[in-house]
Amino acid sequence: MKYLVCKEDLKKLGYKEHTASSIIKQAKIFMVYNRNIPFYKNRRLGLVPRDVVESLIGVKLDDKE
């Protein structure tokens, strides 16, 4: 089971390019301001925790991978 999610993972689930990028960006903002982890301020970072993405989109991601 993967604990980190990237834009490509979201695209494989059927999200469009811009929507997947937007979800990753929102997850990074959440990590910086709600969980106080400044590491996610890096604009080149494209991996975010799976649980944050699941809470943003409101759907449990598939565990098969």
PDB file of N, CA and C in Angstrom:
ATOM      1  N   MET A   1       0.842  -1.179   0.000  1.00  0.00           N
ATOM      2  CA  MET A   1       0.000   0.000   0.000  1.00  0.00           C
ATOM      3  C   MET A   1       0.885   1.240   0.000  1.00  0.00           C
ATOM      4  N   LYS A   2       0.578   2.186  -0.883  1.00  0.00           N
ATOM      5  CA  LYS A   2       1.347   3.421  -0.972  1.00  0.00           C
ATOM      6  C   LYS A   2       0.808   4.430   0.036  1.00  0.00           C
ATOM      7  N   TYR A   3       1.707   5.090   0.741  1.00  0.00           N
ATOM      8  CA  TYR A   3       1.305   6.095   1.714  1.00  0.00           C
ATOM      9  C   TYR A   3       1.371   7.498   1.136  1.00  0.00           C
ATOM     10  N   LEU A   4       2.003   7.649  -0.022  1.00  0.00           N
ATOM     11  CA  LEU A   4       2.111   8.949  -0.677  1.00  0.00           C
ATOM     12  C   LEU A   4       1.427   8.881  -2.034  1.00  0.00           C
ATOM     13  N   VAL A   5       0.856  10.006  -2.454  1.00  0.00           N
ATOM     14  CA  VAL A   5       0.124  10.082  -3.709  1.00  0.00           C
ATOM     15  C   VAL A   5       0.717  11.214  -4.544  1.00  0.00           C
ATOM     16  N   CYS A   6       0.837  10.994  -5.838  1.00  0.00           N
ATOM     17  CA  CYS A   6       1.308  12.044  -6.736  1.00  0.00           C
ATOM     18  C   CYS A   6       0.222  12.332  -7.778  1.00  0.00           C
ATOM     19  N   LYS A   7       0.482  13.314  -8.606  1.00  0.00           N
ATOM     20  CA  LYS A   7      -0.467  13.732  -9.634  1.00  0.00           C
ATOM     21  C   LYS A   7      -0.775  12.581 -10.594  1.00  0.00           C
ATOM     22  N   GLU A   8       0.239  11.816 -10.943  1.00  0.00           N
ATOM     23  CA  GLU A   8       0.052  10.707 -11.882  1.00  0.00           C
ATOM     24  C   GLU A   8      -0.888   9.639 -11.306  1.00  0.00           C
ATOM     25  N   ASP A   9      -0.818   9.415 -10.002  1.00  0.00           N
ATOM     26  CA  ASP A   9      -1.725   8.450  -9.366  1.00  0.00           C
ATOM     27  C   ASP A   9      -3.173   8.912  -9.503  1.00  0.00           C
ATOM     28  N   LEU A  10      -3.400  10.202  -9.315  1.00  0.00           N
ATOM     29  CA  LEU A  10      -4.752  10.740  -9.429  1.00  0.00           C
ATOM     30  C   LEU A  10      -5.235  10.696 -10.871  1.00  0.00           C
ATOM     31  N   LYS A  11      -4.328  10.917 -11.826  1.00  0.00           N
ATOM     32  CA  LYS A  11      -4.707  10.833 -13.232  1.00  0.00           C
ATOM     33  C   LYS A  11      -5.102   9.402 -13.597  1.00  0.00           C
ATOM     34  N   LYS A  12      -4.438   8.407 -13.011  1.00  0.00           N
ATOM     35  CA  LYS A  12      -4.787   7.007 -13.266  1.00  0.00           C
ATOM     36  C   LYS A  12      -6.178   6.677 -12.731  1.00  0.00           C
ATOM     37  N   LEU A  13      -6.611   7.423 -11.709  1.00  0.00           N
ATOM     38  CA  LEU A  13      -7.941   7.212 -11.140  1.00  0.00           C
ATOM     39  C   LEU A  13      -9.034   7.898 -11.957  1.00  0.00           C
ATOM     40  N   GLY A  14      -8.625   8.705 -12.949  1.00  0.00           N
ATOM     41  CA  GLY A  14      -9.603   9.322 -13.821  1.00  0.00           C
ATOM     42  C   GLY A  14      -9.718  10.832 -13.710  1.00  0.00           C
ATOM     43  N   TYR A  15      -8.919  11.434 -12.858  1.00  0.00           N
ATOM     44  CA  TYR A  15      -8.948  12.895 -12.740  1.00  0.00           C
ATOM     45  C   TYR A  15      -8.195  13.524 -13.912  1.00  0.00           C
ATOM     46  N   LYS A  16      -8.664  14.676 -14.347  1.00  0.00           N
ATOM     47  CA  LYS A  16      -7.982  15.417 -15.409  1.00  0.00           C
ATOM     48  C   LYS A  16      -6.696  16.017 -14.857  1.00  0.00           C
ATOM     49  N   GLU A  17      -5.803  16.435 -15.752  1.00  0.00           N
ATOM     50  CA  GLU A  17      -4.486  16.975 -15.385  1.00  0.00           C
ATOM     51  C   GLU A  17      -4.597  18.138 -14.398  1.00  0.00           C
ATOM     52  N   HIS A  18      -5.420  19.114 -14.718  1.00  0.00           N
ATOM     53  CA  HIS A  18      -5.528  20.297 -13.865  1.00  0.00           C
ATOM     54  C   HIS A  18      -6.165  19.967 -12.517  1.00  0.00           C
ATOM     55  N   THR A  19      -7.160  19.110 -12.514  1.00  0.00           N
ATOM     56  CA  THR A  19      -7.818  18.720 -11.268  1.00  0.00           C
ATOM     57  C   THR A  19      -6.857  17.969 -10.361  1.00  0.00           C
ATOM     58  N   ALA A  20      -6.066  17.074 -10.919  1.00  0.00           N
ATOM     59  CA  ALA A  20      -5.084  16.328 -10.136  1.00  0.00           C
ATOM     60  C   ALA A  20      -4.042  17.273  -9.544  1.00  0.00           C
ATOM     61  N   SER A  21      -3.579  18.227 -10.340  1.00  0.00           N
ATOM     62  CA  SER A  21      -2.611  19.211  -9.844  1.00  0.00           C
ATOM     63  C   SER A  21      -3.211  20.049  -8.736  1.00  0.00           C
ATOM     64  N   SER A  22      -4.458  20.417  -8.886  1.00  0.00           N
ATOM     65  CA  SER A  22      -5.143  21.233  -7.888  1.00  0.00           C
ATOM     66  C   SER A  22      -5.293  20.487  -6.562  1.00  0.00           C
ATOM     67  N   ILE A  23      -5.613  19.203  -6.627  1.00  0.00           N
ATOM     68  CA  ILE A  23      -5.747  18.398  -5.415  1.00  0.00           C
ATOM     69  C   ILE A  23      -4.408  18.300  -4.694  1.00  0.00           C
ATOM     70  N   ILE A  24      -3.326  18.081  -5.431  1.00  0.00           N
ATOM     71  CA  ILE A  24      -1.997  18.008  -4.823  1.00  0.00           C
ATOM     72  C   ILE A  24      -1.647  19.349  -4.185  1.00  0.00           C
ATOM     73  N   LYS A  25      -1.944  20.437  -4.862  1.00  0.00           N
ATOM     74  CA  LYS A  25      -1.653  21.770  -4.330  1.00  0.00           C
ATOM     75  C   LYS A  25      -2.444  22.027  -3.041  1.00  0.00           C
ATOM     76  N   GLN A  26      -3.710  21.667  -3.022  1.00  0.00           N
ATOM     77  CA  GLN A  26      -4.529  21.847  -1.830  1.00  0.00           C
ATOM     78  C   GLN A  26      -4.016  20.998  -0.669  1.00  0.00           C
ATOM     79  N   ALA A  27      -3.557  19.797  -0.970  1.00  0.00           N
ATOM     80  CA  ALA A  27      -3.017  18.922   0.074  1.00  0.00           C
ATOM     81  C   ALA A  27      -1.736  19.506   0.663  1.00  0.00           C
ATOM     82  N   LYS A  28      -0.908  20.099  -0.201  1.00  0.00           N
ATOM     83  CA  LYS A  28       0.326  20.723   0.282  1.00  0.00           C
ATOM     84  C   LYS A  28       0.010  21.916   1.179  1.00  0.00           C
ATOM     85  N   ILE A  29      -0.961  22.721   0.786  1.00  0.00           N
ATOM     86  CA  ILE A  29      -1.370  23.861   1.607  1.00  0.00           C
ATOM     87  C   ILE A  29      -1.892  23.381   2.957  1.00  0.00           C
ATOM     88  N   PHE A  30      -2.666  22.308   2.945  1.00  0.00           N
ATOM     89  CA  PHE A  30      -3.182  21.733   4.184  1.00  0.00           C
ATOM     90  C   PHE A  30      -2.037  21.294   5.102  1.00  0.00           C
ATOM     91  N   MET A  31      -1.037  20.629   4.520  1.00  0.00           N
ATOM     92  CA  MET A  31       0.088  20.153   5.320  1.00  0.00           C
ATOM     93  C   MET A  31       0.882  21.306   5.931  1.00  0.00           C
ATOM     94  N   VAL A  32       1.011  22.412   5.214  1.00  0.00           N
ATOM     95  CA  VAL A  32       1.785  23.552   5.719  1.00  0.00           C
ATOM     96  C   VAL A  32       1.026  24.284   6.814  1.00  0.00           C
ATOM     97  N   TYR A  33      -0.235  24.587   6.578  1.00  0.00           N
ATOM     98  CA  TYR A  33      -0.964  25.465   7.489  1.00  0.00           C
ATOM     99  C   TYR A  33      -1.758  24.745   8.568  1.00  0.00           C
ATOM    100  N   ASN A  34      -2.170  23.517   8.344  1.00  0.00           N
ATOM    101  CA  ASN A  34      -2.941  22.807   9.361  1.00  0.00           C
ATOM    102  C   ASN A  34      -2.089  21.851  10.190  1.00  0.00           C
ATOM    103  N   ARG A  35      -1.105  21.247   9.564  1.00  0.00           N
ATOM    104  CA  ARG A  35      -0.256  20.306  10.297  1.00  0.00           C
ATOM    105  C   ARG A  35       1.125  20.886  10.607  1.00  0.00           C
ATOM    106  N   ASN A  36       1.358  22.127  10.202  1.00  0.00           N
ATOM    107  CA  ASN A  36       2.604  22.850  10.493  1.00  0.00           C
ATOM    108  C   ASN A  36       3.854  22.095  10.055  1.00  0.00           C
ATOM    109  N   ILE A  37       3.852  21.645   8.816  1.00  0.00           N
ATOM    110  CA  ILE A  37       5.009  20.961   8.256  1.00  0.00           C
ATOM    111  C   ILE A  37       5.517  21.806   7.085  1.00  0.00           C
ATOM    112  N   PRO A  38       6.504  22.672   7.325  1.00  0.00           N
ATOM    113  CA  PRO A  38       6.975  23.596   6.283  1.00  0.00           C
ATOM    114  C   PRO A  38       7.673  22.908   5.110  1.00  0.00           C
ATOM    115  N   PHE A  39       8.003  21.644   5.243  1.00  0.00           N
ATOM    116  CA  PHE A  39       8.637  20.882   4.175  1.00  0.00           C
ATOM    117  C   PHE A  39       7.805  20.924   2.895  1.00  0.00           C
ATOM    118  N   TYR A  40       6.494  21.007   3.028  1.00  0.00           N
ATOM    119  CA  TYR A  40       5.598  20.975   1.877  1.00  0.00           C
ATOM    120  C   TYR A  40       5.460  22.320   1.173  1.00  0.00           C
ATOM    121  N   LYS A  41       6.192  23.352   1.613  1.00  0.00           N
ATOM    122  CA  LYS A  41       6.200  24.634   0.901  1.00  0.00           C
ATOM    123  C   LYS A  41       7.026  24.564  -0.378  1.00  0.00           C
ATOM    124  N   ASN A  42       7.804  23.526  -0.553  1.00  0.00           N
ATOM    125  CA  ASN A  42       8.632  23.339  -1.728  1.00  0.00           C
ATOM    126  C   ASN A  42       7.749  23.136  -2.956  1.00  0.00           C
ATOM    127  N   ARG A  43       7.875  24.020  -3.947  1.00  0.00           N
ATOM    128  CA  ARG A  43       6.998  23.929  -5.115  1.00  0.00           C
ATOM    129  C   ARG A  43       7.321  22.739  -6.010  1.00  0.00           C
ATOM    130  N   ARG A  44       8.499  22.160  -5.880  1.00  0.00           N
ATOM    131  CA  ARG A  44       8.864  20.997  -6.705  1.00  0.00           C
ATOM    132  C   ARG A  44       8.385  19.678  -6.116  1.00  0.00           C
ATOM    133  N   LEU A  45       7.961  19.706  -4.879  1.00  0.00           N
ATOM    134  CA  LEU A  45       7.506  18.492  -4.217  1.00  0.00           C
ATOM    135  C   LEU A  45       6.145  18.098  -4.763  1.00  0.00           C
ATOM    136  N   GLY A  46       6.013  16.872  -5.212  1.00  0.00           N
ATOM    137  CA  GLY A  46       4.768  16.429  -5.825  1.00  0.00           C
ATOM    138  C   GLY A  46       4.104  15.271  -5.123  1.00  0.00           C
ATOM    139  N   LEU A  47       4.630  14.831  -3.999  1.00  0.00           N
ATOM    140  CA  LEU A  47       4.060  13.724  -3.245  1.00  0.00           C
ATOM    141  C   LEU A  47       3.431  14.238  -1.961  1.00  0.00           C
ATOM    142  N   VAL A  48       2.220  13.798  -1.690  1.00  0.00           N
ATOM    143  CA  VAL A  48       1.524  14.194  -0.466  1.00  0.00           C
ATOM    144  C   VAL A  48       0.949  12.946   0.192  1.00  0.00           C
ATOM    145  N   PRO A  49       0.699  13.008   1.496  1.00  0.00           N
ATOM    146  CA  PRO A  49       0.151  11.838   2.187  1.00  0.00           C
ATOM    147  C   PRO A  49      -1.221  11.440   1.663  1.00  0.00           C
ATOM    148  N   ARG A  50      -1.415  10.155   1.590  1.00  0.00           N
ATOM    149  CA  ARG A  50      -2.641   9.579   1.061  1.00  0.00           C
ATOM    150  C   ARG A  50      -3.872   9.987   1.881  1.00  0.00           C
ATOM    151  N   ASP A  51      -3.741  10.024   3.208  1.00  0.00           N
ATOM    152  CA  ASP A  51      -4.893  10.350   4.044  1.00  0.00           C
ATOM    153  C   ASP A  51      -5.380  11.777   3.836  1.00  0.00           C
ATOM    154  N   VAL A  52      -4.458  12.692   3.516  1.00  0.00           N
ATOM    155  CA  VAL A  52      -4.850  14.077   3.257  1.00  0.00           C
ATOM    156  C   VAL A  52      -5.640  14.160   1.956  1.00  0.00           C
ATOM    157  N   VAL A  53      -5.181  13.455   0.928  1.00  0.00           N
ATOM    158  CA  VAL A  53      -5.890  13.455  -0.355  1.00  0.00           C
ATOM    159  C   VAL A  53      -7.273  12.830  -0.182  1.00  0.00           C
ATOM    160  N   GLU A  54      -7.350  11.748   0.570  1.00  0.00           N
ATOM    161  CA  GLU A  54      -8.643  11.100   0.798  1.00  0.00           C
ATOM    162  C   GLU A  54      -9.611  12.032   1.511  1.00  0.00           C
ATOM    163  N   SER A  55      -9.108  12.812   2.474  1.00  0.00           N
ATOM    164  CA  SER A  55      -9.995  13.735   3.182  1.00  0.00           C
ATOM    165  C   SER A  55     -10.429  14.893   2.280  1.00  0.00           C
ATOM    166  N   LEU A  56      -9.571  15.309   1.348  1.00  0.00           N
ATOM    167  CA  LEU A  56      -9.923  16.397   0.438  1.00  0.00           C
ATOM    168  C   LEU A  56     -10.968  15.977  -0.592  1.00  0.00           C
ATOM    169  N   ILE A  57     -10.793  14.803  -1.182  1.00  0.00           N
ATOM    170  CA  ILE A  57     -11.722  14.391  -2.226  1.00  0.00           C
ATOM    171  C   ILE A  57     -12.937  13.650  -1.664  1.00  0.00           C
ATOM    172  N   GLY A  58     -12.849  13.219  -0.413  1.00  0.00           N
ATOM    173  CA  GLY A  58     -13.991  12.571   0.216  1.00  0.00           C
ATOM    174  C   GLY A  58     -14.216  11.134  -0.204  1.00  0.00           C
ATOM    175  N   VAL A  59     -13.195  10.512  -0.780  1.00  0.00           N
ATOM    176  CA  VAL A  59     -13.302   9.131  -1.251  1.00  0.00           C
ATOM    177  C   VAL A  59     -12.083   8.361  -0.773  1.00  0.00           C
ATOM    178  N   LYS A  60     -12.298   7.142  -0.339  1.00  0.00           N
ATOM    179  CA  LYS A  60     -11.207   6.270   0.074  1.00  0.00           C
ATOM    180  C   LYS A  60     -10.539   5.732  -1.193  1.00  0.00           C
ATOM    181  N   LEU A  61      -9.233   5.901  -1.306  1.00  0.00           N
ATOM    182  CA  LEU A  61      -8.502   5.432  -2.489  1.00  0.00           C
ATOM    183  C   LEU A  61      -8.310   3.920  -2.412  1.00  0.00           C
ATOM    184  N   ASP A  62      -8.220   3.298  -3.551  1.00  0.00           N
ATOM    185  CA  ASP A  62      -8.074   1.847  -3.658  1.00  0.00           C
ATOM    186  C   ASP A  62      -6.731   1.418  -3.069  1.00  0.00           C
ATOM    187  N   ASP A  63      -6.726   0.329  -2.305  1.00  0.00           N
ATOM    188  CA  ASP A  63      -5.501  -0.160  -1.663  1.00  0.00           C
ATOM    189  C   ASP A  63      -4.660  -1.041  -2.571  1.00  0.00           C
ATOM    190  N   LYS A  64      -5.127  -1.371  -3.762  1.00  0.00           N
ATOM    191  CA  LYS A  64      -4.391  -2.248  -4.677  1.00  0.00           C
ATOM    192  C   LYS A  64      -3.311  -1.461  -5.386  1.00  0.00           C
ATOM    193  N   GLU A  65      -2.044  -1.707  -5.072  1.00  0.00           N
ATOM    194  CA  GLU A  65      -0.916  -1.129  -5.788  1.00  0.00           C
ATOM    195  C   GLU A  65       0.359  -1.692  -5.254  1.00  0.00           C
TER     196      GLU A  65
END
